[in-house]
Amino acid sequence: MTAFKGLPESMNTLIREIGRMPGIGPKTARRLAFFILKRPKEEAKRLAGAILKVKETVRFCRDCNNLSDSELCEICANEKRDRSVLCVVEKPSDVISIEKMGDFTGRYHVLLGALSPLDGVGPEDLKIDDLVKRIKKDKVKEVIIATDSNTEGEMTALYLAKVLKPLGVKLYRIGYGMPVGADLEYADQATLYKAFEGKREI
């Protein structure tokens, strides 16, 4: 990102750093930098502190790979959740989307990605081995594959079906409430509800 003439170097540095974030162009980065500048110093300190704390404390849950600030995430630590049902998603933000629906009472397994041969992402780069171990250890009976409905997500779902079928679990794929090519994290609650309601056995 090029520097804006007439601004101090510290402001240009802030604009550059904000501009590294996904979906933020030069104009938005500049607007956010000026917003931060106008706010009281204490607010800026709180923001900086929150960013540092996230970097220092947030990790992946020991069981499901969701984001957590302790060994187990809030969902895995909840004894009321059904251990026999697992919903497999690509990323932690997908967990948030499904939880907003308020209808799913099982647990999750986050793969931390999707198969993408063109990008060099193979099965060994995802948390698939951990998923297999977990299904055996927790005596899981039902697995809902809720990967995105784009090419990578569908490829991942097919691969998972091939790997998990021999384990004797019931396998489901979320239904077509999700438009083709859509990312789970951007789906609204009604769409997700329909997708889960229309899940099909595979």
N, C-alpha and C. Protein backbone atom coordinates (compact mmCIF):
# COMPACT_ATOMS: atom_id res chain seq x y z
N MET A 1 0.85 -1.19 0.00
CA MET A 1 0.00 0.00 0.00
C MET A 1 0.88 1.24 0.00
N THR A 2 0.61 2.16 -0.93
CA THR A 2 1.45 3.36 -1.02
C THR A 2 1.13 4.34 0.10
N ALA A 3 2.13 5.14 0.45
CA ALA A 3 1.96 6.12 1.52
C ALA A 3 1.12 7.30 1.02
N PHE A 4 0.36 7.90 1.93
CA PHE A 4 -0.42 9.09 1.61
C PHE A 4 0.44 10.32 1.87
N LYS A 5 0.59 11.16 0.85
CA LYS A 5 1.40 12.37 1.01
C LYS A 5 0.73 13.32 1.99
N GLY A 6 1.56 14.00 2.78
CA GLY A 6 1.03 14.99 3.72
C GLY A 6 0.69 14.41 5.08
N LEU A 7 0.88 13.10 5.26
CA LEU A 7 0.62 12.47 6.56
C LEU A 7 1.92 12.09 7.23
N PRO A 8 1.96 12.17 8.56
CA PRO A 8 3.17 11.73 9.26
C PRO A 8 3.43 10.24 9.03
N GLU A 9 4.69 9.84 9.15
CA GLU A 9 5.07 8.46 8.89
C GLU A 9 4.32 7.49 9.82
N SER A 10 4.08 7.92 11.09
CA SER A 10 3.37 7.04 12.03
C SER A 10 1.95 6.73 11.55
N MET A 11 1.28 7.73 10.94
CA MET A 11 -0.07 7.51 10.42
C MET A 11 -0.03 6.59 9.20
N ASN A 12 0.95 6.81 8.33
CA ASN A 12 1.09 5.96 7.16
C ASN A 12 1.39 4.51 7.56
N THR A 13 2.17 4.35 8.61
CA THR A 13 2.47 2.99 9.12
C THR A 13 1.19 2.33 9.61
N LEU A 14 0.36 3.08 10.37
CA LEU A 14 -0.90 2.54 10.88
C LEU A 14 -1.83 2.17 9.72
N ILE A 15 -1.92 3.05 8.73
CA ILE A 15 -2.76 2.78 7.56
C ILE A 15 -2.29 1.52 6.84
N ARG A 16 -0.96 1.38 6.69
CA ARG A 16 -0.41 0.19 6.02
C ARG A 16 -0.77 -1.08 6.77
N GLU A 17 -0.62 -1.04 8.10
CA GLU A 17 -0.90 -2.23 8.91
C GLU A 17 -2.38 -2.61 8.87
N ILE A 18 -3.26 -1.60 8.96
CA ILE A 18 -4.70 -1.88 8.88
C ILE A 18 -5.04 -2.44 7.50
N GLY A 19 -4.39 -1.91 6.47
CA GLY A 19 -4.63 -2.34 5.10
C GLY A 19 -4.21 -3.77 4.80
N ARG A 20 -3.44 -4.38 5.70
CA ARG A 20 -3.06 -5.80 5.52
C ARG A 20 -4.23 -6.73 5.82
N MET A 21 -5.25 -6.21 6.50
CA MET A 21 -6.39 -7.06 6.88
C MET A 21 -7.23 -7.38 5.65
N PRO A 22 -7.83 -8.59 5.61
CA PRO A 22 -8.62 -8.98 4.43
C PRO A 22 -9.83 -8.09 4.24
N GLY A 23 -10.09 -7.72 2.99
CA GLY A 23 -11.28 -6.94 2.67
C GLY A 23 -11.16 -5.45 2.95
N ILE A 24 -9.98 -5.01 3.36
CA ILE A 24 -9.80 -3.58 3.67
C ILE A 24 -8.87 -2.94 2.65
N GLY A 25 -9.42 -2.01 1.88
CA GLY A 25 -8.64 -1.29 0.89
C GLY A 25 -8.03 -0.03 1.47
N PRO A 26 -7.28 0.74 0.65
CA PRO A 26 -6.59 1.94 1.12
C PRO A 26 -7.51 2.98 1.76
N LYS A 27 -8.71 3.21 1.16
CA LYS A 27 -9.63 4.24 1.70
C LYS A 27 -10.17 3.84 3.06
N THR A 28 -10.57 2.56 3.18
CA THR A 28 -11.10 2.08 4.47
C THR A 28 -10.00 2.11 5.52
N ALA A 29 -8.79 1.71 5.14
CA ALA A 29 -7.66 1.71 6.08
C ALA A 29 -7.39 3.13 6.58
N ARG A 30 -7.44 4.10 5.66
CA ARG A 30 -7.21 5.50 6.05
C ARG A 30 -8.33 5.98 6.99
N ARG A 31 -9.58 5.62 6.66
CA ARG A 31 -10.72 6.04 7.49
C ARG A 31 -10.61 5.46 8.90
N LEU A 32 -10.22 4.19 9.00
CA LEU A 32 -10.07 3.55 10.32
C LEU A 32 -8.91 4.16 11.11
N ALA A 33 -7.83 4.48 10.40
CA ALA A 33 -6.68 5.11 11.07
C ALA A 33 -7.07 6.46 11.66
N PHE A 34 -7.84 7.27 10.91
CA PHE A 34 -8.30 8.57 11.42
C PHE A 34 -9.29 8.40 12.57
N PHE A 35 -10.10 7.34 12.49
CA PHE A 35 -11.04 7.05 13.59
C PHE A 35 -10.26 6.77 14.87
N ILE A 36 -9.23 5.92 14.76
CA ILE A 36 -8.40 5.59 15.93
C ILE A 36 -7.73 6.84 16.48
N LEU A 37 -7.24 7.68 15.58
CA LEU A 37 -6.56 8.92 15.99
C LEU A 37 -7.49 9.84 16.79
N LYS A 38 -8.76 9.88 16.41
CA LYS A 38 -9.72 10.77 17.08
C LYS A 38 -10.15 10.27 18.44
N ARG A 39 -10.06 8.97 18.65
CA ARG A 39 -10.53 8.39 19.92
C ARG A 39 -9.57 8.70 21.06
N PRO A 40 -10.06 8.70 22.31
CA PRO A 40 -9.18 8.94 23.46
C PRO A 40 -8.05 7.91 23.52
N LYS A 41 -6.93 8.32 24.09
CA LYS A 41 -5.75 7.45 24.18
C LYS A 41 -6.08 6.13 24.89
N GLU A 42 -6.94 6.19 25.91
CA GLU A 42 -7.30 4.98 26.66
C GLU A 42 -7.97 3.94 25.77
N GLU A 43 -8.82 4.42 24.84
CA GLU A 43 -9.48 3.51 23.91
C GLU A 43 -8.47 2.82 23.01
N ALA A 44 -7.50 3.61 22.53
CA ALA A 44 -6.45 3.05 21.66
C ALA A 44 -5.64 2.01 22.42
N LYS A 45 -5.38 2.29 23.70
CA LYS A 45 -4.63 1.34 24.53
C LYS A 45 -5.41 0.05 24.72
N ARG A 46 -6.73 0.19 24.93
CA ARG A 46 -7.57 -1.01 25.10
C ARG A 46 -7.57 -1.86 23.84
N LEU A 47 -7.66 -1.17 22.67
CA LEU A 47 -7.64 -1.89 21.39
C LEU A 47 -6.32 -2.63 21.21
N ALA A 48 -5.22 -1.91 21.45
CA ALA A 48 -3.88 -2.52 21.31
C ALA A 48 -3.73 -3.68 22.29
N GLY A 49 -4.23 -3.49 23.51
CA GLY A 49 -4.15 -4.54 24.54
C GLY A 49 -4.96 -5.77 24.16
N ALA A 50 -6.16 -5.53 23.57
CA ALA A 50 -7.03 -6.65 23.16
C ALA A 50 -6.36 -7.46 22.05
N ILE A 51 -5.70 -6.77 21.11
CA ILE A 51 -5.01 -7.46 20.01
C ILE A 51 -3.86 -8.31 20.57
N LEU A 52 -3.07 -7.72 21.47
CA LEU A 52 -1.95 -8.46 22.06
C LEU A 52 -2.43 -9.65 22.88
N LYS A 53 -3.53 -9.45 23.64
CA LYS A 53 -4.04 -10.54 24.49
C LYS A 53 -4.50 -11.72 23.63
N VAL A 54 -5.19 -11.42 22.52
CA VAL A 54 -5.64 -12.47 21.61
C VAL A 54 -4.44 -13.26 21.09
N LYS A 55 -3.38 -12.55 20.69
CA LYS A 55 -2.19 -13.22 20.15
C LYS A 55 -1.50 -14.07 21.22
N GLU A 56 -1.57 -13.62 22.47
CA GLU A 56 -0.87 -14.32 23.55
C GLU A 56 -1.67 -15.48 24.14
N THR A 57 -3.01 -15.38 24.15
CA THR A 57 -3.81 -16.36 24.89
C THR A 57 -4.65 -17.31 24.05
N VAL A 58 -5.06 -16.89 22.85
CA VAL A 58 -5.97 -17.74 22.06
C VAL A 58 -5.18 -18.87 21.41
N ARG A 59 -5.73 -20.08 21.54
CA ARG A 59 -5.10 -21.27 20.94
C ARG A 59 -6.20 -22.17 20.38
N PHE A 60 -5.80 -23.30 19.85
CA PHE A 60 -6.79 -24.25 19.34
C PHE A 60 -7.17 -25.24 20.43
N CYS A 61 -8.45 -25.53 20.52
CA CYS A 61 -8.96 -26.49 21.50
C CYS A 61 -8.28 -27.84 21.30
N ARG A 62 -7.95 -28.49 22.40
CA ARG A 62 -7.26 -29.78 22.37
C ARG A 62 -8.07 -30.85 21.63
N ASP A 63 -9.40 -30.80 21.75
CA ASP A 63 -10.24 -31.84 21.16
C ASP A 63 -10.71 -31.52 19.75
N CYS A 64 -11.22 -30.28 19.54
CA CYS A 64 -11.92 -30.01 18.27
C CYS A 64 -11.24 -29.00 17.36
N ASN A 65 -10.19 -28.32 17.84
CA ASN A 65 -9.46 -27.30 17.06
C ASN A 65 -10.21 -25.98 16.90
N ASN A 66 -11.29 -25.80 17.68
CA ASN A 66 -11.96 -24.50 17.70
C ASN A 66 -11.06 -23.54 18.49
N LEU A 67 -11.32 -22.24 18.37
CA LEU A 67 -10.53 -21.27 19.13
C LEU A 67 -10.93 -21.32 20.60
N SER A 68 -9.92 -21.16 21.47
CA SER A 68 -10.16 -21.22 22.90
C SER A 68 -9.07 -20.47 23.65
N ASP A 69 -9.38 -20.04 24.88
CA ASP A 69 -8.32 -19.44 25.70
C ASP A 69 -7.93 -20.38 26.83
N SER A 70 -8.42 -21.64 26.74
CA SER A 70 -7.99 -22.67 27.68
C SER A 70 -7.82 -23.98 26.91
N GLU A 71 -7.48 -25.05 27.61
CA GLU A 71 -7.19 -26.31 26.92
C GLU A 71 -8.38 -26.82 26.10
N LEU A 72 -9.58 -26.70 26.67
CA LEU A 72 -10.80 -27.09 25.97
C LEU A 72 -11.64 -25.85 25.67
N CYS A 73 -12.27 -25.83 24.51
CA CYS A 73 -13.16 -24.71 24.19
C CYS A 73 -14.44 -24.85 25.01
N GLU A 74 -15.22 -23.81 25.00
CA GLU A 74 -16.47 -23.76 25.77
C GLU A 74 -17.43 -24.90 25.39
N ILE A 75 -17.46 -25.26 24.11
CA ILE A 75 -18.39 -26.30 23.65
C ILE A 75 -17.92 -27.69 24.08
N CYS A 76 -16.63 -27.98 23.92
CA CYS A 76 -16.10 -29.29 24.32
C CYS A 76 -16.16 -29.48 25.83
N ALA A 77 -16.07 -28.37 26.57
CA ALA A 77 -16.10 -28.45 28.04
C ALA A 77 -17.52 -28.62 28.57
N ASN A 78 -18.52 -28.42 27.70
CA ASN A 78 -19.92 -28.50 28.12
C ASN A 78 -20.40 -29.95 28.10
N GLU A 79 -20.60 -30.53 29.28
CA GLU A 79 -21.00 -31.94 29.40
C GLU A 79 -22.39 -32.22 28.84
N LYS A 80 -23.19 -31.17 28.64
CA LYS A 80 -24.55 -31.36 28.13
C LYS A 80 -24.57 -31.58 26.61
N ARG A 81 -23.46 -31.27 25.94
CA ARG A 81 -23.42 -31.48 24.48
C ARG A 81 -23.32 -32.97 24.18
N ASP A 82 -23.96 -33.38 23.09
CA ASP A 82 -24.02 -34.79 22.70
C ASP A 82 -22.70 -35.23 22.07
N ARG A 83 -21.97 -36.12 22.75
CA ARG A 83 -20.67 -36.61 22.27
C ARG A 83 -20.80 -37.54 21.07
N SER A 84 -21.99 -38.11 20.89
CA SER A 84 -22.16 -39.11 19.83
C SER A 84 -22.38 -38.48 18.44
N VAL A 85 -22.56 -37.14 18.40
CA VAL A 85 -22.80 -36.44 17.13
C VAL A 85 -21.72 -35.40 16.91
N LEU A 86 -21.06 -35.49 15.76
CA LEU A 86 -20.00 -34.53 15.42
C LEU A 86 -20.36 -33.80 14.13
N CYS A 87 -20.16 -32.49 14.15
CA CYS A 87 -20.34 -31.69 12.95
C CYS A 87 -18.94 -31.25 12.49
N VAL A 88 -18.57 -31.62 11.28
CA VAL A 88 -17.23 -31.32 10.76
C VAL A 88 -17.29 -30.05 9.91
N VAL A 89 -16.49 -29.06 10.28
CA VAL A 89 -16.45 -27.79 9.55
C VAL A 89 -15.01 -27.45 9.16
N GLU A 90 -14.87 -26.46 8.30
CA GLU A 90 -13.53 -26.09 7.83
C GLU A 90 -12.78 -25.17 8.78
N LYS A 91 -13.50 -24.20 9.38
CA LYS A 91 -12.82 -23.16 10.16
C LYS A 91 -13.61 -22.76 11.40
N PRO A 92 -12.93 -22.19 12.40
CA PRO A 92 -13.62 -21.80 13.64
C PRO A 92 -14.81 -20.87 13.42
N SER A 93 -14.73 -19.99 12.42
CA SER A 93 -15.84 -19.06 12.18
C SER A 93 -17.12 -19.80 11.77
N ASP A 94 -16.97 -21.03 11.21
CA ASP A 94 -18.15 -21.83 10.85
C ASP A 94 -18.89 -22.30 12.11
N VAL A 95 -18.14 -22.58 13.17
CA VAL A 95 -18.75 -22.99 14.44
C VAL A 95 -19.67 -21.87 14.94
N ILE A 96 -19.19 -20.63 14.87
CA ILE A 96 -19.97 -19.48 15.33
C ILE A 96 -21.28 -19.40 14.54
N SER A 97 -21.20 -19.58 13.22
CA SER A 97 -22.39 -19.50 12.36
C SER A 97 -23.42 -20.56 12.73
N ILE A 98 -22.97 -21.79 12.96
CA ILE A 98 -23.90 -22.87 13.30
C ILE A 98 -24.47 -22.68 14.70
N GLU A 99 -23.65 -22.21 15.62
CA GLU A 99 -24.12 -21.96 16.98
C GLU A 99 -25.21 -20.88 17.03
N LYS A 100 -25.12 -19.91 16.14
CA LYS A 100 -26.14 -18.84 16.07
C LYS A 100 -27.50 -19.42 15.75
N MET A 101 -27.51 -20.52 15.01
CA MET A 101 -28.75 -21.18 14.63
C MET A 101 -29.47 -21.68 15.89
N GLY A 102 -28.69 -22.07 16.91
CA GLY A 102 -29.26 -22.47 18.19
C GLY A 102 -29.95 -23.81 18.20
N ASP A 103 -29.74 -24.63 17.17
CA ASP A 103 -30.48 -25.88 17.04
C ASP A 103 -29.60 -27.11 17.16
N PHE A 104 -28.30 -26.95 16.98
CA PHE A 104 -27.38 -28.09 16.98
C PHE A 104 -26.86 -28.33 18.40
N THR A 105 -27.00 -29.55 18.89
CA THR A 105 -26.62 -29.85 20.28
C THR A 105 -25.42 -30.80 20.38
N GLY A 106 -24.86 -31.18 19.23
CA GLY A 106 -23.69 -32.06 19.25
C GLY A 106 -22.41 -31.28 19.45
N ARG A 107 -21.31 -31.86 19.03
CA ARG A 107 -20.00 -31.21 19.13
C ARG A 107 -19.43 -31.00 17.74
N TYR A 108 -18.28 -30.36 17.69
CA TYR A 108 -17.68 -29.99 16.40
C TYR A 108 -16.30 -30.60 16.24
N HIS A 109 -15.88 -30.65 14.97
CA HIS A 109 -14.48 -30.93 14.66
C HIS A 109 -14.08 -29.97 13.55
N VAL A 110 -13.08 -29.14 13.83
CA VAL A 110 -12.65 -28.12 12.87
C VAL A 110 -11.42 -28.64 12.13
N LEU A 111 -11.51 -28.73 10.81
CA LEU A 111 -10.42 -29.28 9.99
C LEU A 111 -9.26 -28.31 9.82
N LEU A 112 -9.53 -27.01 10.03
CA LEU A 112 -8.55 -25.93 9.81
C LEU A 112 -8.13 -25.86 8.34
N GLY A 113 -9.14 -25.96 7.46
CA GLY A 113 -8.88 -25.82 6.03
C GLY A 113 -9.73 -26.78 5.21
N ALA A 114 -9.46 -26.79 3.91
CA ALA A 114 -10.15 -27.70 2.99
C ALA A 114 -9.14 -28.19 1.96
N LEU A 115 -9.41 -29.34 1.38
CA LEU A 115 -8.50 -29.89 0.37
C LEU A 115 -8.43 -28.95 -0.84
N SER A 116 -7.22 -28.66 -1.26
CA SER A 116 -7.03 -27.78 -2.42
C SER A 116 -5.70 -28.14 -3.09
N PRO A 117 -5.72 -29.15 -3.98
CA PRO A 117 -4.48 -29.60 -4.63
C PRO A 117 -3.72 -28.47 -5.34
N LEU A 118 -4.45 -27.52 -5.92
CA LEU A 118 -3.79 -26.41 -6.63
C LEU A 118 -2.98 -25.54 -5.68
N ASP A 119 -3.43 -25.46 -4.41
CA ASP A 119 -2.70 -24.68 -3.41
C ASP A 119 -1.76 -25.55 -2.57
N GLY A 120 -1.64 -26.82 -2.94
CA GLY A 120 -0.76 -27.73 -2.21
C GLY A 120 -1.30 -28.18 -0.87
N VAL A 121 -2.64 -28.10 -0.68
CA VAL A 121 -3.25 -28.54 0.59
C VAL A 121 -3.81 -29.95 0.41
N GLY A 122 -3.17 -30.91 1.07
CA GLY A 122 -3.61 -32.31 0.99
C GLY A 122 -4.18 -32.78 2.31
N PRO A 123 -4.64 -34.04 2.38
CA PRO A 123 -5.24 -34.58 3.60
C PRO A 123 -4.34 -34.46 4.83
N GLU A 124 -3.03 -34.59 4.62
CA GLU A 124 -2.08 -34.51 5.75
C GLU A 124 -1.99 -33.11 6.34
N ASP A 125 -2.48 -32.10 5.62
CA ASP A 125 -2.44 -30.72 6.11
C ASP A 125 -3.67 -30.37 6.93
N LEU A 126 -4.67 -31.25 6.93
CA LEU A 126 -5.91 -31.01 7.68
C LEU A 126 -5.97 -31.93 8.90
N LYS A 127 -6.91 -31.65 9.79
CA LYS A 127 -7.03 -32.42 11.03
C LYS A 127 -7.92 -33.65 10.83
N ILE A 128 -7.63 -34.42 9.77
CA ILE A 128 -8.45 -35.58 9.44
C ILE A 128 -8.05 -36.79 10.29
N ASP A 129 -6.76 -37.00 10.51
CA ASP A 129 -6.31 -38.11 11.37
C ASP A 129 -6.87 -37.95 12.78
N ASP A 130 -6.87 -36.71 13.28
CA ASP A 130 -7.41 -36.44 14.61
C ASP A 130 -8.91 -36.74 14.66
N LEU A 131 -9.60 -36.46 13.55
CA LEU A 131 -11.04 -36.73 13.46
C LEU A 131 -11.30 -38.23 13.57
N VAL A 132 -10.53 -39.03 12.85
CA VAL A 132 -10.69 -40.48 12.89
C VAL A 132 -10.46 -41.01 14.30
N LYS A 133 -9.38 -40.54 14.95
CA LYS A 133 -9.07 -40.97 16.33
C LYS A 133 -10.20 -40.60 17.27
N ARG A 134 -10.73 -39.40 17.09
CA ARG A 134 -11.79 -38.90 17.98
C ARG A 134 -13.08 -39.70 17.82
N ILE A 135 -13.41 -40.05 16.59
CA ILE A 135 -14.62 -40.84 16.34
C ILE A 135 -14.51 -42.18 17.06
N LYS A 136 -13.34 -42.79 17.01
CA LYS A 136 -13.13 -44.08 17.68
C LYS A 136 -13.16 -43.92 19.20
N LYS A 137 -12.45 -42.90 19.69
CA LYS A 137 -12.32 -42.70 21.14
C LYS A 137 -13.66 -42.35 21.80
N ASP A 138 -14.41 -41.44 21.16
CA ASP A 138 -15.67 -40.95 21.75
C ASP A 138 -16.89 -41.78 21.35
N LYS A 139 -16.64 -42.87 20.59
CA LYS A 139 -17.75 -43.72 20.12
C LYS A 139 -18.83 -42.89 19.42
N VAL A 140 -18.38 -42.07 18.49
CA VAL A 140 -19.29 -41.20 17.72
C VAL A 140 -20.16 -42.06 16.81
N LYS A 141 -21.47 -41.75 16.76
CA LYS A 141 -22.41 -42.53 15.95
C LYS A 141 -22.81 -41.79 14.67
N GLU A 142 -22.76 -40.45 14.72
CA GLU A 142 -23.26 -39.66 13.58
C GLU A 142 -22.30 -38.52 13.28
N VAL A 143 -21.94 -38.36 12.01
CA VAL A 143 -21.07 -37.28 11.57
C VAL A 143 -21.78 -36.46 10.50
N ILE A 144 -21.91 -35.16 10.74
CA ILE A 144 -22.51 -34.25 9.75
C ILE A 144 -21.36 -33.47 9.11
N ILE A 145 -21.19 -33.63 7.82
CA ILE A 145 -20.12 -32.91 7.11
C ILE A 145 -20.68 -31.58 6.63
N ALA A 146 -20.18 -30.50 7.22
CA ALA A 146 -20.70 -29.16 6.92
C ALA A 146 -19.59 -28.28 6.33
N THR A 147 -18.84 -28.86 5.39
CA THR A 147 -17.83 -28.05 4.69
C THR A 147 -18.56 -27.14 3.70
N ASP A 148 -17.87 -26.10 3.22
CA ASP A 148 -18.47 -25.15 2.28
C ASP A 148 -18.92 -25.87 1.02
N SER A 149 -19.85 -25.24 0.30
CA SER A 149 -20.37 -25.89 -0.92
C SER A 149 -19.64 -25.44 -2.17
N ASN A 150 -18.40 -24.95 -2.01
CA ASN A 150 -17.56 -24.62 -3.18
C ASN A 150 -16.77 -25.88 -3.58
N THR A 151 -15.93 -25.76 -4.60
CA THR A 151 -15.19 -26.93 -5.12
C THR A 151 -14.35 -27.60 -4.04
N GLU A 152 -13.60 -26.79 -3.26
CA GLU A 152 -12.73 -27.35 -2.22
C GLU A 152 -13.54 -28.05 -1.13
N GLY A 153 -14.66 -27.42 -0.74
CA GLY A 153 -15.51 -28.01 0.30
C GLY A 153 -16.13 -29.32 -0.13
N GLU A 154 -16.59 -29.38 -1.39
CA GLU A 154 -17.19 -30.61 -1.90
C GLU A 154 -16.15 -31.72 -2.03
N MET A 155 -14.95 -31.36 -2.47
CA MET A 155 -13.85 -32.33 -2.58
C MET A 155 -13.50 -32.89 -1.20
N THR A 156 -13.49 -32.01 -0.20
CA THR A 156 -13.19 -32.42 1.18
C THR A 156 -14.27 -33.35 1.70
N ALA A 157 -15.54 -33.02 1.42
CA ALA A 157 -16.66 -33.84 1.87
C ALA A 157 -16.58 -35.25 1.27
N LEU A 158 -16.25 -35.34 -0.02
CA LEU A 158 -16.13 -36.65 -0.68
C LEU A 158 -14.99 -37.47 -0.08
N TYR A 159 -13.87 -36.80 0.19
CA TYR A 159 -12.72 -37.49 0.77
C TYR A 159 -13.07 -37.99 2.18
N LEU A 160 -13.73 -37.15 2.97
CA LEU A 160 -14.11 -37.54 4.34
C LEU A 160 -15.06 -38.74 4.31
N ALA A 161 -16.00 -38.73 3.38
CA ALA A 161 -16.95 -39.84 3.27
C ALA A 161 -16.21 -41.16 3.02
N LYS A 162 -15.20 -41.09 2.15
CA LYS A 162 -14.40 -42.28 1.81
C LYS A 162 -13.62 -42.79 3.03
N VAL A 163 -13.07 -41.85 3.80
CA VAL A 163 -12.26 -42.22 4.97
C VAL A 163 -13.12 -42.70 6.14
N LEU A 164 -14.30 -42.07 6.32
CA LEU A 164 -15.10 -42.34 7.52
C LEU A 164 -16.08 -43.50 7.38
N LYS A 165 -16.48 -43.83 6.16
CA LYS A 165 -17.48 -44.91 5.96
C LYS A 165 -17.06 -46.23 6.61
N PRO A 166 -15.79 -46.65 6.46
CA PRO A 166 -15.38 -47.92 7.09
C PRO A 166 -15.49 -47.93 8.61
N LEU A 167 -15.64 -46.75 9.24
CA LEU A 167 -15.73 -46.69 10.70
C LEU A 167 -17.12 -47.04 11.21
N GLY A 168 -18.08 -47.19 10.29
CA GLY A 168 -19.43 -47.61 10.69
C GLY A 168 -20.29 -46.51 11.27
N VAL A 169 -19.92 -45.24 11.07
CA VAL A 169 -20.75 -44.14 11.57
C VAL A 169 -21.76 -43.73 10.51
N LYS A 170 -22.87 -43.14 10.94
CA LYS A 170 -23.83 -42.58 9.99
C LYS A 170 -23.26 -41.27 9.48
N LEU A 171 -23.20 -41.13 8.18
CA LEU A 171 -22.62 -39.92 7.57
C LEU A 171 -23.69 -39.10 6.89
N TYR A 172 -23.66 -37.79 7.15
CA TYR A 172 -24.61 -36.88 6.52
C TYR A 172 -23.86 -35.70 5.90
N ARG A 173 -24.42 -35.17 4.85
CA ARG A 173 -23.92 -33.93 4.23
C ARG A 173 -25.03 -32.90 4.36
N ILE A 174 -24.70 -31.66 4.78
CA ILE A 174 -25.74 -30.65 4.91
C ILE A 174 -26.43 -30.45 3.56
N GLY A 175 -27.71 -30.10 3.60
CA GLY A 175 -28.54 -30.03 2.41
C GLY A 175 -28.29 -28.81 1.55
N TYR A 176 -29.14 -28.63 0.57
CA TYR A 176 -28.93 -27.60 -0.44
C TYR A 176 -29.56 -26.26 -0.09
N GLY A 177 -29.82 -26.03 1.19
CA GLY A 177 -30.21 -24.67 1.61
C GLY A 177 -29.04 -23.74 1.35
N MET A 178 -27.83 -24.30 1.33
CA MET A 178 -26.62 -23.53 1.04
C MET A 178 -26.45 -23.42 -0.47
N PRO A 179 -26.37 -22.19 -0.99
CA PRO A 179 -26.15 -22.06 -2.43
C PRO A 179 -24.78 -22.60 -2.83
N VAL A 180 -24.68 -23.13 -4.05
CA VAL A 180 -23.41 -23.68 -4.54
C VAL A 180 -22.36 -22.58 -4.55
N GLY A 181 -21.18 -22.91 -4.01
CA GLY A 181 -20.09 -21.94 -3.97
C GLY A 181 -20.08 -21.07 -2.73
N ALA A 182 -21.05 -21.29 -1.81
CA ALA A 182 -21.16 -20.40 -0.65
C ALA A 182 -20.26 -20.84 0.50
N ASP A 183 -19.80 -19.84 1.28
CA ASP A 183 -19.04 -20.09 2.50
C ASP A 183 -20.01 -20.14 3.67
N LEU A 184 -19.83 -21.13 4.54
CA LEU A 184 -20.72 -21.33 5.68
C LEU A 184 -20.79 -20.11 6.59
N GLU A 185 -19.63 -19.47 6.81
CA GLU A 185 -19.59 -18.37 7.79
C GLU A 185 -20.43 -17.17 7.37
N TYR A 186 -20.77 -17.05 6.06
CA TYR A 186 -21.56 -15.91 5.59
C TYR A 186 -23.04 -16.23 5.44
N ALA A 187 -23.43 -17.45 5.76
CA ALA A 187 -24.83 -17.85 5.61
C ALA A 187 -25.67 -17.31 6.77
N ASP A 188 -26.91 -16.92 6.46
CA ASP A 188 -27.79 -16.46 7.54
C ASP A 188 -28.38 -17.66 8.27
N GLN A 189 -29.00 -17.41 9.43
CA GLN A 189 -29.50 -18.48 10.29
C GLN A 189 -30.57 -19.33 9.60
N ALA A 190 -31.47 -18.67 8.85
CA ALA A 190 -32.55 -19.41 8.18
C ALA A 190 -31.98 -20.36 7.14
N THR A 191 -30.99 -19.90 6.38
CA THR A 191 -30.35 -20.75 5.36
C THR A 191 -29.67 -21.94 6.00
N LEU A 192 -28.95 -21.70 7.10
CA LEU A 192 -28.26 -22.79 7.81
C LEU A 192 -29.26 -23.79 8.37
N TYR A 193 -30.35 -23.26 8.91
CA TYR A 193 -31.38 -24.14 9.47
C TYR A 193 -31.90 -25.08 8.40
N LYS A 194 -32.19 -24.52 7.20
CA LYS A 194 -32.69 -25.32 6.08
C LYS A 194 -31.64 -26.34 5.63
N ALA A 195 -30.37 -25.91 5.64
CA ALA A 195 -29.29 -26.81 5.22
C ALA A 195 -29.18 -28.01 6.16
N PHE A 196 -29.33 -27.77 7.47
CA PHE A 196 -29.25 -28.86 8.45
C PHE A 196 -30.50 -29.72 8.39
N GLU A 197 -31.64 -29.06 8.20
CA GLU A 197 -32.92 -29.78 8.13
C GLU A 197 -32.91 -30.73 6.92
N GLY A 198 -32.29 -30.28 5.83
CA GLY A 198 -32.27 -31.09 4.61
C GLY A 198 -31.02 -31.94 4.45
N LYS A 199 -30.30 -32.18 5.55
CA LYS A 199 -29.08 -32.99 5.43
C LYS A 199 -29.42 -34.37 4.89
N ARG A 200 -28.51 -34.93 4.08
CA ARG A 200 -28.77 -36.23 3.46
C ARG A 200 -27.67 -37.23 3.86
N GLU A 201 -28.06 -38.47 3.99
CA GLU A 201 -27.09 -39.51 4.35
C GLU A 201 -26.20 -39.79 3.15
N ILE A 202 -24.91 -40.03 3.41
CA ILE A 202 -23.98 -40.33 2.32
C ILE A 202 -23.21 -41.62 2.63
